[in-house]
Amino acid sequence: MYKEAVVPVKAETFSVIAAKSSIGQCIKTVLRRACVEKRLTIGLLPAIQYLSKNCNGALFCLTAEAPPGDSATHMQDVLLQAFCVENDIHVIKVDCETKLRRMLGYCSPMDFSCVLVHYPYTDPFTDSQEIDLSTLSEAERQLIDHCESDWGYSQMPVIKLPEK
């Protein structure tokens, strides 16, 4: 009798949007959700500072292509990527820093050459130090699958982000 009274409700979530979408759209979905949940570190130096204290807290490291001829940024970027690979953080190279800024709704001239996406927050009252992968969204899982399919290639593909 009780089962008959329950009506299934279709709830639209971030993961519904990302289902069967391009990787660029998937990145957009993950970034917007992480921004709402305050799980982002924006900028190359803040990312390095965060990772030096908590190398297990980041899920993704998105890096924008350095402008041609900017060897200092390129070297920092390469070292950051190596650190991330060594610590099992999924590195995603994107085509444009400006698109990252626009995607997150920022107008200020902040450094968007690197954006860290942290793992979803877990219950602080549990004793477990394990990261609960069941808390990941469908878009995050899809992005992990994409990263793992490219794992081990010497040249990382550059993902073209959507314009809007």
N, C-alpha and C. Protein backbone atom coordinates (compact mmCIF):
# COMPACT_ATOMS: atom_id res chain seq x y z
N MET A 1 0.82 -1.18 0.00
CA MET A 1 0.00 0.00 0.00
C MET A 1 0.88 1.26 0.00
N TYR A 2 1.93 1.28 0.80
CA TYR A 2 2.79 2.45 0.88
C TYR A 2 3.53 2.69 -0.44
N LYS A 3 3.97 1.60 -1.09
CA LYS A 3 4.70 1.73 -2.34
C LYS A 3 3.85 2.37 -3.43
N GLU A 4 2.56 2.11 -3.40
CA GLU A 4 1.67 2.68 -4.41
C GLU A 4 1.50 4.18 -4.21
N ALA A 5 1.67 4.66 -3.00
CA ALA A 5 1.48 6.08 -2.71
C ALA A 5 2.72 6.92 -3.05
N VAL A 6 3.85 6.26 -3.26
CA VAL A 6 5.07 6.99 -3.58
C VAL A 6 5.12 7.25 -5.08
N VAL A 7 5.27 8.50 -5.44
CA VAL A 7 5.34 8.88 -6.85
C VAL A 7 6.79 9.25 -7.16
N PRO A 8 7.37 8.60 -8.15
CA PRO A 8 8.75 8.95 -8.48
C PRO A 8 8.82 10.37 -9.06
N VAL A 9 9.80 11.13 -8.60
CA VAL A 9 9.98 12.50 -9.07
C VAL A 9 11.31 12.57 -9.81
N LYS A 10 11.27 13.15 -10.98
CA LYS A 10 12.49 13.29 -11.76
C LYS A 10 13.16 14.59 -11.35
N ALA A 11 14.31 14.46 -10.70
CA ALA A 11 15.05 15.65 -10.26
C ALA A 11 16.18 15.92 -11.25
N GLU A 12 16.29 17.16 -11.70
CA GLU A 12 17.36 17.52 -12.62
C GLU A 12 18.57 17.96 -11.81
N THR A 13 19.70 17.38 -12.11
CA THR A 13 20.92 17.70 -11.38
C THR A 13 22.00 18.10 -12.37
N PHE A 14 23.15 18.47 -11.84
CA PHE A 14 24.28 18.78 -12.70
C PHE A 14 24.67 17.59 -13.54
N SER A 15 24.56 16.39 -12.97
CA SER A 15 25.00 15.20 -13.69
C SER A 15 24.11 14.89 -14.88
N VAL A 16 22.84 15.27 -14.83
CA VAL A 16 21.95 15.03 -15.96
C VAL A 16 22.42 15.85 -17.16
N ILE A 17 22.87 17.05 -16.90
CA ILE A 17 23.34 17.92 -17.97
C ILE A 17 24.58 17.32 -18.64
N ALA A 18 25.44 16.72 -17.84
CA ALA A 18 26.70 16.21 -18.37
C ALA A 18 26.57 14.87 -19.06
N ALA A 19 25.48 14.16 -18.83
CA ALA A 19 25.34 12.84 -19.42
C ALA A 19 25.37 12.96 -20.94
N LYS A 20 26.23 12.18 -21.55
CA LYS A 20 26.36 12.12 -23.00
C LYS A 20 26.71 13.49 -23.61
N SER A 21 27.56 14.24 -22.95
CA SER A 21 27.98 15.52 -23.50
C SER A 21 29.45 15.47 -23.84
N SER A 22 29.91 16.49 -24.54
CA SER A 22 31.32 16.54 -24.90
C SER A 22 32.15 16.73 -23.63
N ILE A 23 33.43 16.46 -23.73
CA ILE A 23 34.32 16.61 -22.57
C ILE A 23 34.38 18.08 -22.16
N GLY A 24 34.36 18.99 -23.12
CA GLY A 24 34.34 20.42 -22.80
C GLY A 24 33.13 20.80 -21.98
N GLN A 25 31.97 20.29 -22.36
CA GLN A 25 30.73 20.55 -21.60
C GLN A 25 30.80 19.90 -20.23
N CYS A 26 31.40 18.73 -20.18
CA CYS A 26 31.55 18.00 -18.91
C CYS A 26 32.42 18.81 -17.95
N ILE A 27 33.52 19.38 -18.46
CA ILE A 27 34.39 20.22 -17.64
C ILE A 27 33.60 21.42 -17.11
N LYS A 28 32.81 22.02 -17.97
CA LYS A 28 31.99 23.17 -17.58
C LYS A 28 31.04 22.79 -16.44
N THR A 29 30.42 21.65 -16.54
CA THR A 29 29.50 21.18 -15.51
C THR A 29 30.22 20.94 -14.19
N VAL A 30 31.38 20.27 -14.26
CA VAL A 30 32.16 19.99 -13.06
C VAL A 30 32.61 21.29 -12.40
N LEU A 31 33.11 22.22 -13.20
CA LEU A 31 33.59 23.49 -12.64
C LEU A 31 32.47 24.29 -11.98
N ARG A 32 31.34 24.35 -12.63
CA ARG A 32 30.23 25.13 -12.05
C ARG A 32 29.73 24.52 -10.76
N ARG A 33 29.64 23.19 -10.74
CA ARG A 33 29.21 22.54 -9.50
C ARG A 33 30.22 22.75 -8.39
N ALA A 34 31.49 22.58 -8.71
CA ALA A 34 32.55 22.76 -7.71
C ALA A 34 32.59 24.21 -7.22
N CYS A 35 32.29 25.15 -8.10
CA CYS A 35 32.26 26.56 -7.71
C CYS A 35 31.12 26.81 -6.72
N VAL A 36 29.96 26.26 -7.00
CA VAL A 36 28.81 26.40 -6.10
C VAL A 36 29.12 25.78 -4.74
N GLU A 37 29.82 24.65 -4.75
CA GLU A 37 30.16 23.94 -3.52
C GLU A 37 31.46 24.44 -2.88
N LYS A 38 32.06 25.49 -3.45
CA LYS A 38 33.29 26.09 -2.92
C LYS A 38 34.43 25.07 -2.82
N ARG A 39 34.64 24.35 -3.93
CA ARG A 39 35.68 23.32 -3.99
C ARG A 39 36.73 23.64 -5.05
N LEU A 40 37.03 24.92 -5.24
CA LEU A 40 38.00 25.33 -6.25
C LEU A 40 39.16 26.09 -5.63
N THR A 41 40.33 25.91 -6.19
CA THR A 41 41.47 26.77 -5.93
C THR A 41 41.88 27.33 -7.28
N ILE A 42 41.88 28.67 -7.40
CA ILE A 42 42.10 29.32 -8.67
C ILE A 42 43.44 30.04 -8.66
N GLY A 43 44.24 29.79 -9.69
CA GLY A 43 45.54 30.44 -9.84
C GLY A 43 46.67 29.46 -9.64
N LEU A 44 47.76 29.68 -10.36
CA LEU A 44 48.90 28.76 -10.30
C LEU A 44 49.56 28.76 -8.92
N LEU A 45 49.87 29.93 -8.38
CA LEU A 45 50.53 29.97 -7.07
C LEU A 45 49.63 29.47 -5.94
N PRO A 46 48.33 29.88 -5.89
CA PRO A 46 47.47 29.29 -4.86
C PRO A 46 47.34 27.77 -4.99
N ALA A 47 47.35 27.26 -6.21
CA ALA A 47 47.26 25.81 -6.42
C ALA A 47 48.51 25.11 -5.88
N ILE A 48 49.67 25.69 -6.16
CA ILE A 48 50.92 25.11 -5.66
C ILE A 48 50.94 25.13 -4.14
N GLN A 49 50.50 26.24 -3.55
CA GLN A 49 50.46 26.35 -2.09
C GLN A 49 49.51 25.31 -1.49
N TYR A 50 48.33 25.15 -2.11
CA TYR A 50 47.36 24.17 -1.62
C TYR A 50 47.94 22.76 -1.70
N LEU A 51 48.53 22.42 -2.85
CA LEU A 51 49.06 21.07 -3.05
C LEU A 51 50.24 20.77 -2.14
N SER A 52 51.02 21.79 -1.78
CA SER A 52 52.15 21.55 -0.89
C SER A 52 51.70 21.15 0.51
N LYS A 53 50.47 21.54 0.88
CA LYS A 53 49.94 21.21 2.20
C LYS A 53 48.99 20.02 2.17
N ASN A 54 48.34 19.79 1.02
CA ASN A 54 47.30 18.78 0.96
C ASN A 54 47.29 18.14 -0.44
N CYS A 55 48.24 17.28 -0.72
CA CYS A 55 48.33 16.70 -2.06
C CYS A 55 47.25 15.65 -2.33
N ASN A 56 46.52 15.22 -1.31
CA ASN A 56 45.46 14.23 -1.52
C ASN A 56 44.07 14.85 -1.65
N GLY A 57 43.97 16.16 -1.60
CA GLY A 57 42.66 16.80 -1.61
C GLY A 57 42.15 17.20 -2.97
N ALA A 58 42.98 17.13 -4.00
CA ALA A 58 42.57 17.58 -5.32
C ALA A 58 42.17 16.40 -6.20
N LEU A 59 41.09 16.59 -6.92
CA LEU A 59 40.58 15.58 -7.85
C LEU A 59 41.09 15.86 -9.26
N PHE A 60 40.97 17.13 -9.69
CA PHE A 60 41.40 17.53 -11.02
C PHE A 60 42.30 18.76 -10.93
N CYS A 61 43.21 18.86 -11.85
CA CYS A 61 44.03 20.05 -12.02
C CYS A 61 43.88 20.47 -13.48
N LEU A 62 43.18 21.58 -13.69
CA LEU A 62 42.99 22.08 -15.05
C LEU A 62 44.03 23.16 -15.30
N THR A 63 44.78 23.01 -16.38
CA THR A 63 45.78 24.01 -16.73
C THR A 63 45.49 24.53 -18.13
N ALA A 64 45.61 25.84 -18.28
CA ALA A 64 45.44 26.46 -19.59
C ALA A 64 46.78 26.49 -20.30
N GLU A 65 46.75 26.44 -21.60
CA GLU A 65 47.98 26.50 -22.38
C GLU A 65 48.69 27.83 -22.12
N ALA A 66 49.98 27.75 -21.90
CA ALA A 66 50.77 28.97 -21.69
C ALA A 66 50.94 29.68 -23.03
N PRO A 67 50.96 31.01 -23.00
CA PRO A 67 51.19 31.75 -24.25
C PRO A 67 52.54 31.37 -24.86
N PRO A 68 52.65 31.37 -26.17
CA PRO A 68 53.93 31.03 -26.80
C PRO A 68 55.03 32.00 -26.34
N GLY A 69 56.18 31.44 -26.03
CA GLY A 69 57.31 32.25 -25.61
C GLY A 69 57.39 32.51 -24.12
N ASP A 70 56.39 32.10 -23.35
CA ASP A 70 56.40 32.31 -21.90
C ASP A 70 57.00 31.07 -21.24
N SER A 71 58.34 31.02 -21.25
CA SER A 71 59.02 29.82 -20.77
C SER A 71 58.92 29.63 -19.26
N ALA A 72 58.83 30.72 -18.50
CA ALA A 72 58.74 30.60 -17.03
C ALA A 72 57.42 29.92 -16.64
N THR A 73 56.31 30.38 -17.23
CA THR A 73 55.00 29.76 -16.94
C THR A 73 54.98 28.33 -17.43
N HIS A 74 55.59 28.08 -18.58
CA HIS A 74 55.63 26.72 -19.11
C HIS A 74 56.37 25.77 -18.17
N MET A 75 57.50 26.23 -17.60
CA MET A 75 58.25 25.39 -16.66
C MET A 75 57.46 25.11 -15.40
N GLN A 76 56.79 26.13 -14.85
CA GLN A 76 55.97 25.93 -13.66
C GLN A 76 54.84 24.95 -13.97
N ASP A 77 54.26 25.09 -15.14
CA ASP A 77 53.16 24.23 -15.56
C ASP A 77 53.61 22.78 -15.68
N VAL A 78 54.78 22.55 -16.26
CA VAL A 78 55.31 21.19 -16.41
C VAL A 78 55.60 20.57 -15.05
N LEU A 79 56.19 21.35 -14.15
CA LEU A 79 56.48 20.83 -12.80
C LEU A 79 55.19 20.52 -12.04
N LEU A 80 54.19 21.39 -12.17
CA LEU A 80 52.91 21.15 -11.52
C LEU A 80 52.25 19.87 -12.06
N GLN A 81 52.28 19.70 -13.37
CA GLN A 81 51.70 18.50 -13.97
C GLN A 81 52.41 17.24 -13.49
N ALA A 82 53.73 17.29 -13.41
CA ALA A 82 54.49 16.13 -12.93
C ALA A 82 54.12 15.80 -11.48
N PHE A 83 53.99 16.83 -10.66
CA PHE A 83 53.59 16.63 -9.26
C PHE A 83 52.20 15.99 -9.20
N CYS A 84 51.28 16.49 -10.02
CA CYS A 84 49.92 15.95 -10.02
C CYS A 84 49.90 14.49 -10.46
N VAL A 85 50.63 14.17 -11.51
CA VAL A 85 50.67 12.78 -11.98
C VAL A 85 51.24 11.87 -10.90
N GLU A 86 52.29 12.34 -10.23
CA GLU A 86 52.91 11.56 -9.16
C GLU A 86 51.95 11.32 -8.00
N ASN A 87 51.02 12.24 -7.77
CA ASN A 87 50.08 12.14 -6.65
C ASN A 87 48.67 11.75 -7.08
N ASP A 88 48.54 11.16 -8.26
CA ASP A 88 47.25 10.65 -8.77
C ASP A 88 46.17 11.71 -8.84
N ILE A 89 46.54 12.91 -9.25
CA ILE A 89 45.58 13.98 -9.50
C ILE A 89 45.41 14.05 -11.01
N HIS A 90 44.18 14.02 -11.48
CA HIS A 90 43.91 14.02 -12.91
C HIS A 90 44.19 15.39 -13.50
N VAL A 91 45.11 15.43 -14.46
CA VAL A 91 45.49 16.69 -15.11
C VAL A 91 44.73 16.82 -16.42
N ILE A 92 44.14 17.99 -16.62
CA ILE A 92 43.39 18.27 -17.84
C ILE A 92 43.93 19.58 -18.40
N LYS A 93 44.40 19.54 -19.62
CA LYS A 93 44.92 20.74 -20.28
C LYS A 93 43.79 21.30 -21.15
N VAL A 94 43.49 22.60 -20.95
CA VAL A 94 42.43 23.25 -21.72
C VAL A 94 43.02 24.33 -22.62
N ASP A 95 42.22 24.73 -23.59
CA ASP A 95 42.73 25.62 -24.63
C ASP A 95 42.85 27.08 -24.24
N CYS A 96 42.11 27.55 -23.25
CA CYS A 96 42.08 28.99 -23.06
C CYS A 96 41.77 29.39 -21.61
N GLU A 97 42.65 30.21 -21.05
CA GLU A 97 42.46 30.74 -19.70
C GLU A 97 41.23 31.65 -19.64
N THR A 98 40.99 32.41 -20.70
CA THR A 98 39.85 33.34 -20.74
C THR A 98 38.53 32.58 -20.68
N LYS A 99 38.46 31.43 -21.35
CA LYS A 99 37.23 30.63 -21.31
C LYS A 99 36.97 30.09 -19.91
N LEU A 100 38.04 29.69 -19.20
CA LEU A 100 37.88 29.23 -17.81
C LEU A 100 37.30 30.36 -16.96
N ARG A 101 37.86 31.55 -17.11
CA ARG A 101 37.40 32.71 -16.34
C ARG A 101 35.93 33.00 -16.63
N ARG A 102 35.59 33.02 -17.91
CA ARG A 102 34.22 33.32 -18.32
C ARG A 102 33.25 32.23 -17.85
N MET A 103 33.70 30.97 -17.92
CA MET A 103 32.86 29.84 -17.52
C MET A 103 32.44 29.94 -16.05
N LEU A 104 33.33 30.47 -15.22
CA LEU A 104 33.06 30.58 -13.80
C LEU A 104 32.47 31.93 -13.42
N GLY A 105 32.30 32.81 -14.39
CA GLY A 105 31.65 34.08 -14.15
C GLY A 105 32.52 35.15 -13.52
N TYR A 106 33.82 35.06 -13.73
CA TYR A 106 34.75 36.06 -13.18
C TYR A 106 35.08 37.09 -14.25
N CYS A 107 35.14 38.34 -13.85
CA CYS A 107 35.53 39.42 -14.76
C CYS A 107 36.91 39.97 -14.42
N SER A 108 37.34 39.76 -13.19
CA SER A 108 38.61 40.33 -12.72
C SER A 108 39.78 39.67 -13.43
N PRO A 109 40.90 40.39 -13.50
CA PRO A 109 42.08 39.83 -14.18
C PRO A 109 42.87 38.86 -13.30
N MET A 110 42.19 37.95 -12.61
CA MET A 110 42.86 36.94 -11.80
C MET A 110 43.60 35.95 -12.70
N ASP A 111 44.53 35.23 -12.11
CA ASP A 111 45.26 34.19 -12.81
C ASP A 111 44.38 32.94 -12.89
N PHE A 112 44.00 32.55 -14.11
CA PHE A 112 43.22 31.35 -14.32
C PHE A 112 44.02 30.31 -15.10
N SER A 113 45.35 30.39 -15.02
CA SER A 113 46.18 29.43 -15.74
C SER A 113 46.09 28.04 -15.13
N CYS A 114 45.60 27.96 -13.88
CA CYS A 114 45.45 26.68 -13.20
C CYS A 114 44.22 26.75 -12.29
N VAL A 115 43.41 25.72 -12.34
CA VAL A 115 42.24 25.61 -11.46
C VAL A 115 42.25 24.20 -10.88
N LEU A 116 42.28 24.11 -9.56
CA LEU A 116 42.17 22.82 -8.88
C LEU A 116 40.72 22.59 -8.49
N VAL A 117 40.25 21.39 -8.74
CA VAL A 117 38.92 20.98 -8.27
C VAL A 117 39.16 19.98 -7.15
N HIS A 118 38.68 20.31 -5.95
CA HIS A 118 38.89 19.47 -4.78
C HIS A 118 37.84 18.36 -4.77
N TYR A 119 38.14 17.30 -4.04
CA TYR A 119 37.16 16.23 -3.82
C TYR A 119 35.96 16.80 -3.08
N PRO A 120 34.77 16.21 -3.29
CA PRO A 120 33.60 16.66 -2.51
C PRO A 120 33.87 16.51 -1.02
N TYR A 121 33.32 17.43 -0.26
CA TYR A 121 33.51 17.39 1.19
C TYR A 121 32.82 16.16 1.76
N THR A 122 33.45 15.59 2.77
CA THR A 122 32.90 14.41 3.42
C THR A 122 32.48 14.78 4.83
N ASP A 123 31.85 13.87 5.50
CA ASP A 123 31.38 14.09 6.86
C ASP A 123 32.58 14.26 7.79
N PRO A 124 32.71 15.43 8.41
CA PRO A 124 33.88 15.66 9.28
C PRO A 124 33.85 14.85 10.57
N PHE A 125 32.70 14.22 10.87
CA PHE A 125 32.57 13.48 12.12
C PHE A 125 32.87 11.99 11.96
N THR A 126 33.28 11.59 10.78
CA THR A 126 33.67 10.19 10.59
C THR A 126 35.15 10.06 10.87
N ASP A 127 35.56 8.87 11.25
CA ASP A 127 36.96 8.60 11.55
C ASP A 127 37.75 8.25 10.30
N SER A 128 37.05 7.95 9.21
CA SER A 128 37.70 7.48 8.01
C SER A 128 38.45 8.61 7.31
N GLN A 129 39.66 8.31 6.87
CA GLN A 129 40.45 9.25 6.08
C GLN A 129 40.31 8.94 4.58
N GLU A 130 39.55 7.89 4.27
CA GLU A 130 39.33 7.50 2.89
C GLU A 130 38.42 8.51 2.19
N ILE A 131 38.65 8.71 0.91
CA ILE A 131 37.79 9.59 0.12
C ILE A 131 36.65 8.75 -0.41
N ASP A 132 35.43 9.21 -0.20
CA ASP A 132 34.23 8.48 -0.59
C ASP A 132 33.93 8.79 -2.06
N LEU A 133 34.25 7.86 -2.95
CA LEU A 133 34.05 8.08 -4.38
C LEU A 133 32.58 8.06 -4.78
N SER A 134 31.72 7.59 -3.89
CA SER A 134 30.29 7.58 -4.21
C SER A 134 29.71 8.99 -4.20
N THR A 135 30.44 9.94 -3.63
CA THR A 135 29.95 11.32 -3.60
C THR A 135 30.24 12.08 -4.89
N LEU A 136 30.98 11.46 -5.82
CA LEU A 136 31.29 12.12 -7.08
C LEU A 136 30.06 12.17 -7.97
N SER A 137 29.93 13.25 -8.71
CA SER A 137 28.82 13.39 -9.64
C SER A 137 29.09 12.56 -10.89
N GLU A 138 28.07 12.38 -11.69
CA GLU A 138 28.23 11.64 -12.94
C GLU A 138 29.22 12.35 -13.86
N ALA A 139 29.18 13.68 -13.89
CA ALA A 139 30.11 14.45 -14.71
C ALA A 139 31.55 14.24 -14.24
N GLU A 140 31.76 14.20 -12.93
CA GLU A 140 33.11 13.96 -12.41
C GLU A 140 33.60 12.57 -12.77
N ARG A 141 32.72 11.59 -12.70
CA ARG A 141 33.10 10.22 -13.08
C ARG A 141 33.43 10.13 -14.56
N GLN A 142 32.64 10.83 -15.37
CA GLN A 142 32.87 10.84 -16.81
C GLN A 142 34.23 11.49 -17.13
N LEU A 143 34.56 12.53 -16.41
CA LEU A 143 35.83 13.22 -16.60
C LEU A 143 37.00 12.34 -16.14
N ILE A 144 36.81 11.61 -15.04
CA ILE A 144 37.84 10.67 -14.58
C ILE A 144 38.08 9.60 -15.64
N ASP A 145 37.00 9.05 -16.21
CA ASP A 145 37.14 8.04 -17.27
C ASP A 145 37.93 8.59 -18.46
N HIS A 146 37.63 9.83 -18.81
CA HIS A 146 38.35 10.47 -19.92
C HIS A 146 39.83 10.58 -19.58
N CYS A 147 40.14 11.05 -18.38
CA CYS A 147 41.55 11.23 -17.96
C CYS A 147 42.28 9.90 -17.92
N GLU A 148 41.64 8.87 -17.43
CA GLU A 148 42.28 7.56 -17.33
C GLU A 148 42.51 6.93 -18.69
N SER A 149 41.67 7.28 -19.67
CA SER A 149 41.90 6.75 -21.01
C SER A 149 43.12 7.41 -21.66
N ASP A 150 43.47 8.64 -21.23
CA ASP A 150 44.65 9.33 -21.76
C ASP A 150 45.87 9.18 -20.87
N TRP A 151 45.74 8.46 -19.74
CA TRP A 151 46.83 8.32 -18.77
C TRP A 151 48.02 7.63 -19.42
N GLY A 152 49.20 8.17 -19.21
CA GLY A 152 50.41 7.53 -19.70
C GLY A 152 50.90 8.06 -21.03
N TYR A 153 50.10 8.87 -21.73
CA TYR A 153 50.58 9.46 -22.97
C TYR A 153 51.55 10.58 -22.66
N SER A 154 52.61 10.68 -23.43
CA SER A 154 53.60 11.72 -23.17
C SER A 154 53.06 13.11 -23.54
N GLN A 155 52.23 13.18 -24.56
CA GLN A 155 51.64 14.45 -24.98
C GLN A 155 50.17 14.46 -24.58
N MET A 156 49.82 15.36 -23.68
CA MET A 156 48.45 15.44 -23.18
C MET A 156 47.57 16.19 -24.19
N PRO A 157 46.40 15.65 -24.51
CA PRO A 157 45.52 16.37 -25.44
C PRO A 157 44.99 17.66 -24.80
N VAL A 158 44.79 18.67 -25.63
CA VAL A 158 44.25 19.94 -25.16
C VAL A 158 42.75 19.92 -25.45
N ILE A 159 41.96 20.12 -24.39
CA ILE A 159 40.50 20.09 -24.52
C ILE A 159 40.01 21.48 -24.91
N LYS A 160 39.21 21.52 -25.95
CA LYS A 160 38.62 22.79 -26.38
C LYS A 160 37.36 23.03 -25.55
N LEU A 161 37.37 24.12 -24.79
CA LEU A 161 36.24 24.47 -23.94
C LEU A 161 35.16 25.16 -24.76
N PRO A 162 33.89 25.01 -24.35
CA PRO A 162 32.83 25.71 -25.06
C PRO A 162 32.98 27.23 -24.91
N GLU A 163 32.51 27.96 -25.90
CA GLU A 163 32.61 29.42 -25.88
C GLU A 163 31.77 30.04 -24.77
N LYS A 164 30.61 29.47 -24.50
CA LYS A 164 29.72 30.04 -23.48
C LYS A 164 29.35 29.02 -22.46
